[in-house]
Amino acid sequence: MPKMPQAPRSSLLTPLAAQRLNPIFVDRWNDSFRLRTLTPAEVTPEIAEWLADPAIMEGLNAPRQAMGLDAFRAYVTSFDNLKRSVMAVRRREDDGAVGLIVLEVDLRHKLGSVHMVVGDPDNRGKRVSLEAMRLLCRMFFRERKLEKLTFQPLARNLSAIKACENAGLRLEGTLRGHRIDGATGERLDQLLYALSVEEYEERSAARVFGTYGGPGIKP
């Protein structure tokens, strides 16, 4: 589950170094989908209701109470688009939003963790997660020059696990009883999937991923 807004923490970066770090606004696409930074103005009631969908919340083990439109827009405003980014997964043909990706980055260690939901029920099981992860990985490793990406789905979240495996992430470990089910109190296992930049480049060389485009990207 994407983390809720928190008070700013002290940074290891010096003030001078921090001034050189500007927000990064993502706009990348392939043949079928587009990954674009979500702005508060783009949050629709349908997007705000995704996190109240039982099918999504069961996989995330999160509360089932909707945030509401204004609260969700405030949530989107809290992202700095450098260390914490929220992006909408959209269909290329009509720009309709079908899912969300939250990326949290540790700049000092060049690490990133990703959370993903496919909110539109009609698009579940239709390669949305796989194609979105492919777009994210290329941007993450080749453009942002980061070195390791992790994804931590609950062991019962079979769709998220399949997306990890299809995108080439490897199972790095199992966190036994790491979460508590909000409805039953049962302790739940959480899996740790990961992909390093070396693994990404090795696997990319052996596969054809198709179109990758966006502002500033040569055909």
N, C-alpha and C. Protein backbone atom coordinates (compact mmCIF):
# COMPACT_ATOMS: atom_id res chain seq x y z
N MET A 1 0.84 -1.20 0.00
CA MET A 1 0.00 0.00 0.00
C MET A 1 0.88 1.25 0.00
N PRO A 2 0.66 2.17 -0.92
CA PRO A 2 1.43 3.40 -0.90
C PRO A 2 1.33 4.12 0.43
N LYS A 3 2.44 4.68 0.90
CA LYS A 3 2.46 5.33 2.20
C LYS A 3 1.68 6.64 2.16
N MET A 4 1.02 6.94 3.26
CA MET A 4 0.30 8.18 3.36
C MET A 4 1.27 9.32 3.60
N PRO A 5 0.86 10.57 3.33
CA PRO A 5 1.77 11.71 3.52
C PRO A 5 2.31 11.76 4.94
N GLN A 6 3.60 12.08 5.06
CA GLN A 6 4.27 12.18 6.34
C GLN A 6 5.01 13.51 6.42
N ALA A 7 5.35 13.91 7.64
CA ALA A 7 6.14 15.11 7.83
C ALA A 7 7.50 14.92 7.20
N PRO A 8 8.10 15.96 6.60
CA PRO A 8 9.42 15.84 5.98
C PRO A 8 10.46 15.38 6.98
N ARG A 9 11.37 14.51 6.52
CA ARG A 9 12.47 14.04 7.35
C ARG A 9 13.75 14.77 6.98
N SER A 10 14.69 14.80 7.88
CA SER A 10 15.96 15.43 7.60
C SER A 10 16.68 14.66 6.50
N SER A 11 17.40 15.36 5.64
CA SER A 11 18.07 14.75 4.50
C SER A 11 19.56 14.65 4.74
N LEU A 12 20.17 13.63 4.15
CA LEU A 12 21.63 13.49 4.22
C LEU A 12 22.30 14.41 3.21
N LEU A 13 21.54 15.00 2.29
CA LEU A 13 22.10 15.88 1.29
C LEU A 13 22.39 17.26 1.87
N THR A 14 23.48 17.85 1.44
CA THR A 14 23.78 19.21 1.85
C THR A 14 22.81 20.16 1.15
N PRO A 15 22.60 21.36 1.71
CA PRO A 15 21.68 22.31 1.06
C PRO A 15 22.07 22.61 -0.38
N LEU A 16 23.39 22.70 -0.66
CA LEU A 16 23.83 22.99 -2.02
C LEU A 16 23.48 21.86 -2.96
N ALA A 17 23.70 20.61 -2.51
CA ALA A 17 23.37 19.46 -3.35
C ALA A 17 21.87 19.37 -3.57
N ALA A 18 21.08 19.67 -2.54
CA ALA A 18 19.63 19.57 -2.65
C ALA A 18 19.09 20.54 -3.70
N GLN A 19 19.76 21.71 -3.86
CA GLN A 19 19.29 22.68 -4.83
C GLN A 19 19.41 22.17 -6.26
N ARG A 20 20.31 21.20 -6.50
CA ARG A 20 20.53 20.69 -7.84
C ARG A 20 19.56 19.57 -8.20
N LEU A 21 18.77 19.13 -7.25
CA LEU A 21 17.85 18.02 -7.48
C LEU A 21 16.47 18.56 -7.78
N ASN A 22 16.08 18.50 -9.02
CA ASN A 22 14.80 19.03 -9.46
C ASN A 22 13.78 17.92 -9.61
N PRO A 23 12.51 18.23 -9.48
CA PRO A 23 11.47 17.22 -9.70
C PRO A 23 11.58 16.60 -11.09
N ILE A 24 11.24 15.33 -11.18
CA ILE A 24 11.28 14.60 -12.44
C ILE A 24 9.85 14.22 -12.82
N PHE A 25 9.39 14.75 -13.94
CA PHE A 25 8.04 14.47 -14.40
C PHE A 25 8.11 13.44 -15.53
N VAL A 26 7.49 12.31 -15.30
CA VAL A 26 7.59 11.16 -16.20
C VAL A 26 6.49 11.22 -17.26
N ASP A 27 6.85 10.94 -18.50
CA ASP A 27 5.89 10.77 -19.59
C ASP A 27 6.52 9.83 -20.60
N ARG A 28 6.24 8.54 -20.47
CA ARG A 28 6.84 7.52 -21.32
C ARG A 28 5.77 6.55 -21.78
N TRP A 29 5.94 6.00 -22.99
CA TRP A 29 4.92 5.10 -23.51
C TRP A 29 5.53 3.99 -24.36
N ASN A 30 4.72 2.95 -24.53
CA ASN A 30 5.04 1.90 -25.50
C ASN A 30 3.86 1.76 -26.45
N ASP A 31 3.74 0.64 -27.11
CA ASP A 31 2.69 0.49 -28.12
C ASP A 31 1.28 0.60 -27.54
N SER A 32 1.09 0.20 -26.29
CA SER A 32 -0.26 0.08 -25.74
C SER A 32 -0.55 0.99 -24.55
N PHE A 33 0.49 1.32 -23.76
CA PHE A 33 0.25 2.03 -22.50
C PHE A 33 1.19 3.22 -22.35
N ARG A 34 0.76 4.11 -21.47
CA ARG A 34 1.52 5.33 -21.18
C ARG A 34 1.68 5.46 -19.67
N LEU A 35 2.87 5.86 -19.24
CA LEU A 35 3.17 6.08 -17.82
C LEU A 35 3.46 7.56 -17.66
N ARG A 36 2.60 8.27 -16.90
CA ARG A 36 2.74 9.72 -16.81
C ARG A 36 2.52 10.17 -15.36
N THR A 37 3.35 11.11 -14.91
CA THR A 37 3.20 11.67 -13.57
C THR A 37 1.78 12.18 -13.38
N LEU A 38 1.17 11.79 -12.27
CA LEU A 38 -0.20 12.20 -11.97
C LEU A 38 -0.20 13.56 -11.28
N THR A 39 -1.02 14.46 -11.76
CA THR A 39 -1.18 15.77 -11.14
C THR A 39 -2.50 15.80 -10.37
N PRO A 40 -2.61 16.67 -9.36
CA PRO A 40 -3.87 16.75 -8.61
C PRO A 40 -5.08 17.00 -9.49
N ALA A 41 -4.90 17.83 -10.53
CA ALA A 41 -6.03 18.16 -11.41
C ALA A 41 -6.52 16.95 -12.20
N GLU A 42 -5.66 15.94 -12.37
CA GLU A 42 -6.02 14.76 -13.15
C GLU A 42 -6.72 13.69 -12.32
N VAL A 43 -6.79 13.89 -11.00
CA VAL A 43 -7.45 12.90 -10.14
C VAL A 43 -8.95 13.00 -10.32
N THR A 44 -9.54 11.93 -10.79
CA THR A 44 -10.99 11.88 -11.00
C THR A 44 -11.64 11.12 -9.84
N PRO A 45 -12.96 11.23 -9.68
CA PRO A 45 -13.63 10.43 -8.65
C PRO A 45 -13.38 8.94 -8.82
N GLU A 46 -13.28 8.47 -10.08
CA GLU A 46 -13.03 7.05 -10.32
C GLU A 46 -11.68 6.62 -9.77
N ILE A 47 -10.65 7.44 -9.99
CA ILE A 47 -9.31 7.13 -9.46
C ILE A 47 -9.33 7.14 -7.94
N ALA A 48 -10.00 8.13 -7.35
CA ALA A 48 -10.05 8.23 -5.90
C ALA A 48 -10.74 7.03 -5.27
N GLU A 49 -11.67 6.42 -6.01
CA GLU A 49 -12.41 5.27 -5.47
C GLU A 49 -11.66 3.95 -5.59
N TRP A 50 -10.56 3.94 -6.37
CA TRP A 50 -9.84 2.68 -6.57
C TRP A 50 -9.37 2.08 -5.26
N LEU A 51 -8.89 2.92 -4.36
CA LEU A 51 -8.34 2.41 -3.10
C LEU A 51 -9.42 2.01 -2.11
N ALA A 52 -10.68 2.05 -2.53
CA ALA A 52 -11.75 1.51 -1.70
C ALA A 52 -12.31 0.22 -2.30
N ASP A 53 -11.75 -0.21 -3.41
CA ASP A 53 -12.20 -1.43 -4.08
C ASP A 53 -11.71 -2.65 -3.30
N PRO A 54 -12.60 -3.51 -2.80
CA PRO A 54 -12.16 -4.68 -2.02
C PRO A 54 -11.17 -5.56 -2.76
N ALA A 55 -11.31 -5.68 -4.09
CA ALA A 55 -10.38 -6.52 -4.86
C ALA A 55 -8.96 -5.98 -4.80
N ILE A 56 -8.81 -4.65 -4.72
CA ILE A 56 -7.49 -4.03 -4.60
C ILE A 56 -7.01 -4.07 -3.16
N MET A 57 -7.90 -3.75 -2.24
CA MET A 57 -7.51 -3.65 -0.85
C MET A 57 -7.11 -5.00 -0.25
N GLU A 58 -7.72 -6.08 -0.73
CA GLU A 58 -7.34 -7.39 -0.22
C GLU A 58 -5.90 -7.71 -0.55
N GLY A 59 -5.47 -7.33 -1.76
CA GLY A 59 -4.09 -7.57 -2.15
C GLY A 59 -3.11 -6.69 -1.41
N LEU A 60 -3.53 -5.45 -1.10
CA LEU A 60 -2.65 -4.51 -0.41
C LEU A 60 -2.75 -4.60 1.10
N ASN A 61 -3.80 -5.30 1.61
CA ASN A 61 -4.07 -5.34 3.05
C ASN A 61 -4.19 -3.93 3.61
N ALA A 62 -5.03 -3.13 2.98
CA ALA A 62 -5.18 -1.74 3.37
C ALA A 62 -6.62 -1.45 3.76
N PRO A 63 -6.87 -0.34 4.46
CA PRO A 63 -8.25 0.01 4.82
C PRO A 63 -9.13 0.16 3.60
N ARG A 64 -10.41 -0.15 3.75
CA ARG A 64 -11.33 -0.11 2.62
C ARG A 64 -12.17 1.16 2.59
N GLN A 65 -11.76 2.17 3.29
CA GLN A 65 -12.51 3.42 3.31
C GLN A 65 -11.94 4.37 2.27
N ALA A 66 -12.79 4.89 1.40
CA ALA A 66 -12.33 5.79 0.35
C ALA A 66 -11.76 7.07 0.95
N MET A 67 -10.71 7.61 0.29
CA MET A 67 -10.11 8.86 0.77
C MET A 67 -10.97 10.06 0.42
N GLY A 68 -11.74 9.96 -0.64
CA GLY A 68 -12.49 11.11 -1.12
C GLY A 68 -11.65 11.89 -2.12
N LEU A 69 -12.31 12.63 -2.99
CA LEU A 69 -11.63 13.32 -4.08
C LEU A 69 -10.64 14.37 -3.58
N ASP A 70 -11.06 15.23 -2.65
CA ASP A 70 -10.18 16.28 -2.15
C ASP A 70 -9.00 15.70 -1.40
N ALA A 71 -9.23 14.66 -0.60
CA ALA A 71 -8.14 14.04 0.15
C ALA A 71 -7.14 13.37 -0.78
N PHE A 72 -7.65 12.75 -1.84
CA PHE A 72 -6.74 12.08 -2.78
C PHE A 72 -5.91 13.12 -3.53
N ARG A 73 -6.51 14.23 -3.89
CA ARG A 73 -5.75 15.29 -4.56
C ARG A 73 -4.68 15.86 -3.63
N ALA A 74 -5.01 16.01 -2.36
CA ALA A 74 -4.01 16.47 -1.39
C ALA A 74 -2.89 15.45 -1.25
N TYR A 75 -3.24 14.18 -1.30
CA TYR A 75 -2.26 13.10 -1.25
C TYR A 75 -1.30 13.20 -2.43
N VAL A 76 -1.82 13.42 -3.63
CA VAL A 76 -0.98 13.55 -4.82
C VAL A 76 -0.08 14.77 -4.71
N THR A 77 -0.58 15.86 -4.15
CA THR A 77 0.22 17.07 -3.98
C THR A 77 1.42 16.83 -3.08
N SER A 78 1.33 15.87 -2.16
CA SER A 78 2.41 15.63 -1.20
C SER A 78 3.65 15.00 -1.83
N PHE A 79 3.54 14.48 -3.06
CA PHE A 79 4.69 13.84 -3.70
C PHE A 79 5.64 14.90 -4.26
N ASP A 80 6.95 14.70 -4.03
CA ASP A 80 7.93 15.67 -4.52
C ASP A 80 8.42 15.34 -5.93
N ASN A 81 8.03 14.16 -6.47
CA ASN A 81 8.42 13.72 -7.81
C ASN A 81 9.93 13.64 -7.99
N LEU A 82 10.61 13.37 -6.89
CA LEU A 82 12.04 13.09 -6.92
C LEU A 82 12.31 11.85 -6.08
N LYS A 83 12.02 11.95 -4.79
CA LYS A 83 12.16 10.79 -3.91
C LYS A 83 10.85 10.03 -3.77
N ARG A 84 9.74 10.68 -4.05
CA ARG A 84 8.43 10.02 -4.01
C ARG A 84 7.63 10.48 -5.22
N SER A 85 7.25 9.54 -6.06
CA SER A 85 6.54 9.86 -7.29
C SER A 85 5.28 9.01 -7.40
N VAL A 86 4.23 9.61 -7.94
CA VAL A 86 3.02 8.85 -8.25
C VAL A 86 2.71 9.06 -9.73
N MET A 87 2.50 7.95 -10.44
CA MET A 87 2.28 7.98 -11.87
C MET A 87 1.00 7.23 -12.21
N ALA A 88 0.30 7.70 -13.23
CA ALA A 88 -0.88 7.00 -13.72
C ALA A 88 -0.49 6.14 -14.91
N VAL A 89 -1.01 4.92 -14.93
CA VAL A 89 -0.87 4.05 -16.10
C VAL A 89 -2.10 4.29 -16.97
N ARG A 90 -1.86 4.64 -18.22
CA ARG A 90 -2.95 5.04 -19.11
C ARG A 90 -2.94 4.22 -20.40
N ARG A 91 -4.10 4.08 -21.00
CA ARG A 91 -4.20 3.46 -22.32
C ARG A 91 -3.72 4.46 -23.37
N ARG A 92 -2.97 3.98 -24.33
CA ARG A 92 -2.48 4.88 -25.38
C ARG A 92 -3.61 5.39 -26.26
N GLU A 93 -4.60 4.55 -26.56
CA GLU A 93 -5.60 4.93 -27.56
C GLU A 93 -6.52 6.06 -27.08
N ASP A 94 -6.79 6.14 -25.78
CA ASP A 94 -7.71 7.18 -25.33
C ASP A 94 -7.23 7.92 -24.08
N ASP A 95 -6.02 7.61 -23.61
CA ASP A 95 -5.42 8.27 -22.44
C ASP A 95 -6.21 8.01 -21.16
N GLY A 96 -7.04 6.98 -21.15
CA GLY A 96 -7.81 6.67 -19.95
C GLY A 96 -6.94 6.01 -18.90
N ALA A 97 -7.06 6.47 -17.65
CA ALA A 97 -6.26 5.91 -16.56
C ALA A 97 -6.79 4.53 -16.16
N VAL A 98 -5.89 3.57 -16.03
CA VAL A 98 -6.28 2.21 -15.64
C VAL A 98 -5.57 1.75 -14.38
N GLY A 99 -4.55 2.48 -13.92
CA GLY A 99 -3.83 2.06 -12.72
C GLY A 99 -2.91 3.16 -12.21
N LEU A 100 -2.28 2.87 -11.07
CA LEU A 100 -1.36 3.81 -10.44
C LEU A 100 -0.08 3.09 -10.04
N ILE A 101 1.03 3.81 -10.13
CA ILE A 101 2.32 3.34 -9.63
C ILE A 101 2.88 4.39 -8.69
N VAL A 102 3.30 3.95 -7.51
CA VAL A 102 4.02 4.81 -6.57
C VAL A 102 5.46 4.32 -6.50
N LEU A 103 6.39 5.23 -6.72
CA LEU A 103 7.83 4.91 -6.67
C LEU A 103 8.48 5.72 -5.57
N GLU A 104 9.16 5.03 -4.66
CA GLU A 104 9.90 5.68 -3.58
C GLU A 104 11.38 5.40 -3.77
N VAL A 105 12.20 6.45 -3.76
CA VAL A 105 13.61 6.34 -4.12
C VAL A 105 14.50 6.76 -2.96
N ASP A 106 15.51 5.95 -2.70
CA ASP A 106 16.59 6.28 -1.77
C ASP A 106 17.75 6.77 -2.62
N LEU A 107 17.93 8.09 -2.71
CA LEU A 107 18.92 8.66 -3.60
C LEU A 107 20.35 8.30 -3.20
N ARG A 108 20.59 8.23 -1.91
CA ARG A 108 21.96 7.95 -1.44
C ARG A 108 22.42 6.56 -1.86
N HIS A 109 21.52 5.57 -1.77
CA HIS A 109 21.88 4.19 -2.09
C HIS A 109 21.42 3.76 -3.48
N LYS A 110 20.79 4.68 -4.23
CA LYS A 110 20.32 4.42 -5.59
C LYS A 110 19.36 3.23 -5.64
N LEU A 111 18.44 3.22 -4.68
CA LEU A 111 17.44 2.16 -4.57
C LEU A 111 16.05 2.73 -4.84
N GLY A 112 15.14 1.86 -5.25
CA GLY A 112 13.75 2.26 -5.42
C GLY A 112 12.82 1.13 -5.04
N SER A 113 11.67 1.48 -4.47
CA SER A 113 10.63 0.49 -4.19
C SER A 113 9.36 0.94 -4.90
N VAL A 114 8.63 -0.04 -5.43
CA VAL A 114 7.47 0.28 -6.24
C VAL A 114 6.22 -0.36 -5.67
N HIS A 115 5.10 0.35 -5.76
CA HIS A 115 3.77 -0.14 -5.41
C HIS A 115 2.89 0.09 -6.63
N MET A 116 2.05 -0.88 -6.95
CA MET A 116 1.21 -0.75 -8.15
C MET A 116 -0.19 -1.28 -7.90
N VAL A 117 -1.17 -0.58 -8.47
CA VAL A 117 -2.54 -1.09 -8.48
C VAL A 117 -3.10 -0.91 -9.89
N VAL A 118 -3.85 -1.89 -10.35
CA VAL A 118 -4.63 -1.76 -11.58
C VAL A 118 -6.06 -1.51 -11.12
N GLY A 119 -6.48 -0.27 -11.23
CA GLY A 119 -7.75 0.13 -10.64
C GLY A 119 -8.96 -0.20 -11.46
N ASP A 120 -8.82 -0.16 -12.78
CA ASP A 120 -9.95 -0.40 -13.66
C ASP A 120 -10.16 -1.91 -13.79
N PRO A 121 -11.28 -2.46 -13.27
CA PRO A 121 -11.48 -3.92 -13.30
C PRO A 121 -11.44 -4.50 -14.70
N ASP A 122 -11.88 -3.74 -15.71
CA ASP A 122 -11.92 -4.26 -17.07
C ASP A 122 -10.53 -4.47 -17.66
N ASN A 123 -9.49 -3.93 -17.00
CA ASN A 123 -8.13 -4.06 -17.53
C ASN A 123 -7.26 -5.00 -16.71
N ARG A 124 -7.83 -5.64 -15.71
CA ARG A 124 -7.04 -6.60 -14.93
C ARG A 124 -6.84 -7.87 -15.74
N GLY A 125 -5.64 -8.43 -15.65
CA GLY A 125 -5.34 -9.64 -16.39
C GLY A 125 -5.09 -9.41 -17.87
N LYS A 126 -4.78 -8.16 -18.25
CA LYS A 126 -4.58 -7.83 -19.66
C LYS A 126 -3.21 -7.20 -19.89
N ARG A 127 -2.20 -7.68 -19.16
CA ARG A 127 -0.81 -7.27 -19.34
C ARG A 127 -0.55 -5.84 -18.91
N VAL A 128 -1.47 -5.20 -18.21
CA VAL A 128 -1.25 -3.82 -17.78
C VAL A 128 -0.05 -3.75 -16.85
N SER A 129 0.00 -4.62 -15.82
CA SER A 129 1.09 -4.59 -14.86
C SER A 129 2.43 -4.86 -15.53
N LEU A 130 2.46 -5.84 -16.43
CA LEU A 130 3.70 -6.19 -17.11
C LEU A 130 4.22 -5.03 -17.95
N GLU A 131 3.36 -4.44 -18.77
CA GLU A 131 3.80 -3.35 -19.64
C GLU A 131 4.18 -2.11 -18.82
N ALA A 132 3.44 -1.86 -17.75
CA ALA A 132 3.78 -0.71 -16.89
C ALA A 132 5.13 -0.91 -16.22
N MET A 133 5.40 -2.15 -15.77
CA MET A 133 6.70 -2.44 -15.15
C MET A 133 7.84 -2.30 -16.15
N ARG A 134 7.62 -2.70 -17.39
CA ARG A 134 8.65 -2.56 -18.41
C ARG A 134 8.99 -1.08 -18.64
N LEU A 135 7.95 -0.25 -18.73
CA LEU A 135 8.18 1.19 -18.88
C LEU A 135 8.91 1.76 -17.67
N LEU A 136 8.46 1.37 -16.49
CA LEU A 136 9.07 1.88 -15.27
C LEU A 136 10.53 1.48 -15.17
N CYS A 137 10.84 0.21 -15.45
CA CYS A 137 12.21 -0.28 -15.31
C CYS A 137 13.16 0.46 -16.25
N ARG A 138 12.74 0.67 -17.47
CA ARG A 138 13.63 1.36 -18.41
C ARG A 138 13.90 2.79 -17.97
N MET A 139 12.86 3.48 -17.54
CA MET A 139 13.04 4.83 -17.04
C MET A 139 13.91 4.82 -15.79
N PHE A 140 13.66 3.90 -14.88
CA PHE A 140 14.34 3.82 -13.59
C PHE A 140 15.85 3.58 -13.76
N PHE A 141 16.20 2.57 -14.57
CA PHE A 141 17.60 2.19 -14.70
C PHE A 141 18.37 3.04 -15.71
N ARG A 142 17.77 3.30 -16.85
CA ARG A 142 18.54 3.95 -17.92
C ARG A 142 18.47 5.47 -17.89
N GLU A 143 17.37 6.01 -17.40
CA GLU A 143 17.25 7.47 -17.37
C GLU A 143 17.59 8.06 -16.01
N ARG A 144 17.08 7.44 -14.94
CA ARG A 144 17.40 7.96 -13.62
C ARG A 144 18.70 7.41 -13.06
N LYS A 145 19.28 6.41 -13.74
CA LYS A 145 20.58 5.84 -13.36
C LYS A 145 20.57 5.27 -11.96
N LEU A 146 19.44 4.67 -11.56
CA LEU A 146 19.35 4.00 -10.27
C LEU A 146 19.77 2.55 -10.45
N GLU A 147 20.02 1.86 -9.33
CA GLU A 147 20.73 0.59 -9.43
C GLU A 147 19.99 -0.63 -8.90
N LYS A 148 18.93 -0.44 -8.13
CA LYS A 148 18.19 -1.61 -7.66
C LYS A 148 16.74 -1.23 -7.39
N LEU A 149 15.82 -2.08 -7.90
CA LEU A 149 14.39 -1.85 -7.74
C LEU A 149 13.78 -3.01 -6.97
N THR A 150 12.90 -2.73 -6.01
CA THR A 150 12.25 -3.78 -5.24
C THR A 150 10.74 -3.62 -5.28
N PHE A 151 10.07 -4.75 -5.09
CA PHE A 151 8.61 -4.82 -5.06
C PHE A 151 8.28 -5.82 -3.96
N GLN A 152 7.38 -5.45 -3.03
CA GLN A 152 7.12 -6.31 -1.87
C GLN A 152 5.62 -6.65 -1.77
N PRO A 153 5.12 -7.54 -2.60
CA PRO A 153 3.70 -7.93 -2.52
C PRO A 153 3.46 -8.90 -1.38
N LEU A 154 2.24 -8.91 -0.87
CA LEU A 154 1.84 -9.96 0.06
C LEU A 154 1.84 -11.29 -0.67
N ALA A 155 2.12 -12.36 0.06
CA ALA A 155 2.19 -13.68 -0.56
C ALA A 155 0.85 -14.09 -1.18
N ARG A 156 -0.26 -13.52 -0.71
CA ARG A 156 -1.57 -13.87 -1.26
C ARG A 156 -1.93 -13.04 -2.49
N ASN A 157 -1.11 -12.03 -2.82
CA ASN A 157 -1.40 -11.16 -3.95
C ASN A 157 -0.83 -11.77 -5.22
N LEU A 158 -1.54 -12.76 -5.75
CA LEU A 158 -1.02 -13.56 -6.86
C LEU A 158 -0.81 -12.74 -8.14
N SER A 159 -1.66 -11.75 -8.37
CA SER A 159 -1.51 -10.95 -9.59
C SER A 159 -0.24 -10.11 -9.53
N ALA A 160 0.09 -9.57 -8.35
CA ALA A 160 1.31 -8.77 -8.20
C ALA A 160 2.55 -9.66 -8.33
N ILE A 161 2.47 -10.87 -7.79
CA ILE A 161 3.59 -11.81 -7.91
C ILE A 161 3.84 -12.16 -9.37
N LYS A 162 2.77 -12.40 -10.10
CA LYS A 162 2.90 -12.73 -11.53
C LYS A 162 3.52 -11.56 -12.29
N ALA A 163 3.13 -10.33 -11.94
CA ALA A 163 3.69 -9.16 -12.60
C ALA A 163 5.18 -9.06 -12.34
N CYS A 164 5.61 -9.33 -11.10
CA CYS A 164 7.03 -9.31 -10.76
C CYS A 164 7.80 -10.32 -11.59
N GLU A 165 7.30 -11.53 -11.64
CA GLU A 165 7.99 -12.60 -12.35
C GLU A 165 8.05 -12.33 -13.85
N ASN A 166 6.95 -11.87 -14.41
CA ASN A 166 6.91 -11.58 -15.85
C ASN A 166 7.83 -10.43 -16.23
N ALA A 167 8.05 -9.49 -15.30
CA ALA A 167 8.91 -8.35 -15.57
C ALA A 167 10.38 -8.66 -15.31
N GLY A 168 10.68 -9.88 -14.86
CA GLY A 168 12.07 -10.28 -14.68
C GLY A 168 12.62 -10.08 -13.29
N LEU A 169 11.79 -9.65 -12.33
CA LEU A 169 12.28 -9.53 -10.96
C LEU A 169 12.46 -10.92 -10.36
N ARG A 170 13.43 -11.06 -9.47
CA ARG A 170 13.68 -12.36 -8.83
C ARG A 170 13.23 -12.30 -7.38
N LEU A 171 12.83 -13.45 -6.87
CA LEU A 171 12.45 -13.56 -5.46
C LEU A 171 13.70 -13.54 -4.61
N GLU A 172 13.84 -12.52 -3.79
CA GLU A 172 15.04 -12.35 -2.97
C GLU A 172 14.84 -12.85 -1.55
N GLY A 173 13.58 -12.96 -1.12
CA GLY A 173 13.34 -13.45 0.24
C GLY A 173 11.87 -13.42 0.60
N THR A 174 11.55 -14.09 1.70
CA THR A 174 10.20 -14.11 2.25
C THR A 174 10.24 -13.56 3.66
N LEU A 175 9.43 -12.57 3.94
CA LEU A 175 9.33 -11.99 5.27
C LEU A 175 8.15 -12.67 5.96
N ARG A 176 8.45 -13.61 6.85
CA ARG A 176 7.41 -14.44 7.47
C ARG A 176 6.59 -13.62 8.47
N GLY A 177 5.27 -13.71 8.34
CA GLY A 177 4.38 -13.03 9.28
C GLY A 177 4.66 -11.55 9.41
N HIS A 178 4.96 -10.89 8.28
CA HIS A 178 5.47 -9.53 8.32
C HIS A 178 4.37 -8.48 8.46
N ARG A 179 3.14 -8.83 8.07
CA ARG A 179 2.02 -7.90 8.14
C ARG A 179 0.87 -8.54 8.90
N ILE A 180 -0.02 -7.68 9.40
CA ILE A 180 -1.20 -8.15 10.10
C ILE A 180 -2.43 -7.84 9.26
N ASP A 181 -3.25 -8.86 9.03
CA ASP A 181 -4.49 -8.67 8.29
C ASP A 181 -5.41 -7.77 9.09
N GLY A 182 -5.81 -6.64 8.48
CA GLY A 182 -6.65 -5.68 9.19
C GLY A 182 -8.01 -6.21 9.54
N ALA A 183 -8.49 -7.23 8.82
CA ALA A 183 -9.83 -7.77 9.06
C ALA A 183 -9.82 -8.92 10.05
N THR A 184 -8.81 -9.80 9.96
CA THR A 184 -8.81 -11.02 10.77
C THR A 184 -7.77 -11.04 11.88
N GLY A 185 -6.76 -10.19 11.79
CA GLY A 185 -5.67 -10.22 12.77
C GLY A 185 -4.61 -11.26 12.45
N GLU A 186 -4.82 -12.02 11.38
CA GLU A 186 -3.85 -13.04 10.97
C GLU A 186 -2.56 -12.39 10.49
N ARG A 187 -1.41 -13.01 10.82
CA ARG A 187 -0.13 -12.52 10.33
C ARG A 187 0.10 -13.05 8.92
N LEU A 188 0.54 -12.16 8.03
CA LEU A 188 0.67 -12.48 6.61
C LEU A 188 2.13 -12.43 6.17
N ASP A 189 2.49 -13.35 5.30
CA ASP A 189 3.83 -13.33 4.70
C ASP A 189 3.89 -12.26 3.62
N GLN A 190 5.07 -11.65 3.51
CA GLN A 190 5.31 -10.67 2.46
C GLN A 190 6.57 -11.09 1.70
N LEU A 191 6.51 -11.01 0.37
CA LEU A 191 7.62 -11.44 -0.46
C LEU A 191 8.45 -10.24 -0.91
N LEU A 192 9.73 -10.47 -1.07
CA LEU A 192 10.63 -9.42 -1.55
C LEU A 192 11.17 -9.81 -2.92
N TYR A 193 10.72 -9.10 -3.94
CA TYR A 193 11.23 -9.27 -5.29
C TYR A 193 12.18 -8.10 -5.60
N ALA A 194 13.20 -8.37 -6.41
CA ALA A 194 14.18 -7.34 -6.70
C ALA A 194 14.76 -7.51 -8.09
N LEU A 195 15.31 -6.41 -8.61
CA LEU A 195 16.00 -6.42 -9.89
C LEU A 195 17.12 -5.39 -9.82
N SER A 196 18.35 -5.82 -10.13
CA SER A 196 19.49 -4.91 -10.15
C SER A 196 19.69 -4.38 -11.56
N VAL A 197 20.46 -3.32 -11.68
CA VAL A 197 20.72 -2.75 -12.99
C VAL A 197 21.47 -3.74 -13.87
N GLU A 198 22.37 -4.53 -13.27
CA GLU A 198 23.10 -5.53 -14.06
C GLU A 198 22.15 -6.60 -14.61
N GLU A 199 21.23 -7.04 -13.77
CA GLU A 199 20.25 -8.03 -14.21
C GLU A 199 19.34 -7.46 -15.29
N TYR A 200 18.96 -6.21 -15.11
CA TYR A 200 18.10 -5.58 -16.10
C TYR A 200 18.77 -5.50 -17.46
N GLU A 201 20.03 -5.06 -17.48
CA GLU A 201 20.74 -4.93 -18.75
C GLU A 201 20.97 -6.30 -19.39
N GLU A 202 21.26 -7.30 -18.58
CA GLU A 202 21.47 -8.64 -19.12
C GLU A 202 20.19 -9.19 -19.75
N ARG A 203 19.07 -9.01 -19.08
CA ARG A 203 17.81 -9.53 -19.59
C ARG A 203 17.29 -8.69 -20.76
N SER A 204 17.57 -7.40 -20.73
CA SER A 204 17.13 -6.54 -21.83
C SER A 204 17.83 -6.90 -23.13
N ALA A 205 19.10 -7.31 -23.02
CA ALA A 205 19.86 -7.65 -24.22
C ALA A 205 19.30 -8.89 -24.91
N ALA A 206 18.61 -9.71 -24.14
CA ALA A 206 18.09 -10.97 -24.69
C ALA A 206 16.63 -10.88 -25.11
N ARG A 207 16.00 -9.70 -24.94
CA ARG A 207 14.58 -9.57 -25.24
C ARG A 207 14.33 -8.37 -26.15
N VAL A 208 13.23 -8.43 -26.86
CA VAL A 208 12.79 -7.30 -27.65
C VAL A 208 11.55 -6.72 -26.97
N PHE A 209 11.67 -5.48 -26.48
CA PHE A 209 10.59 -4.90 -25.69
C PHE A 209 9.68 -3.99 -26.50
N GLY A 210 9.99 -3.72 -27.76
CA GLY A 210 9.11 -2.90 -28.56
C GLY A 210 9.34 -1.42 -28.36
N THR A 211 8.30 -0.65 -28.64
CA THR A 211 8.40 0.81 -28.63
C THR A 211 8.65 1.35 -27.24
N TYR A 212 9.49 2.40 -27.19
CA TYR A 212 9.67 3.18 -25.96
C TYR A 212 9.84 4.63 -26.39
N GLY A 213 8.87 5.46 -26.01
CA GLY A 213 8.90 6.83 -26.46
C GLY A 213 8.50 7.81 -25.38
N GLY A 214 8.61 9.11 -25.74
CA GLY A 214 8.26 10.17 -24.81
C GLY A 214 9.06 11.41 -25.12
N PRO A 215 8.74 12.54 -24.47
CA PRO A 215 9.48 13.77 -24.70
C PRO A 215 10.98 13.60 -24.46
N GLY A 216 11.79 14.00 -25.44
CA GLY A 216 13.24 13.91 -25.31
C GLY A 216 13.82 12.56 -25.69
N ILE A 217 12.99 11.58 -26.06
CA ILE A 217 13.47 10.26 -26.44
C ILE A 217 13.52 10.15 -27.96
N LYS A 218 14.66 9.77 -28.50
CA LYS A 218 14.77 9.60 -29.94
C LYS A 218 14.01 8.36 -30.37
N PRO A 219 13.42 8.35 -31.56
CA PRO A 219 12.67 7.19 -32.04
C PRO A 219 13.54 5.93 -32.07
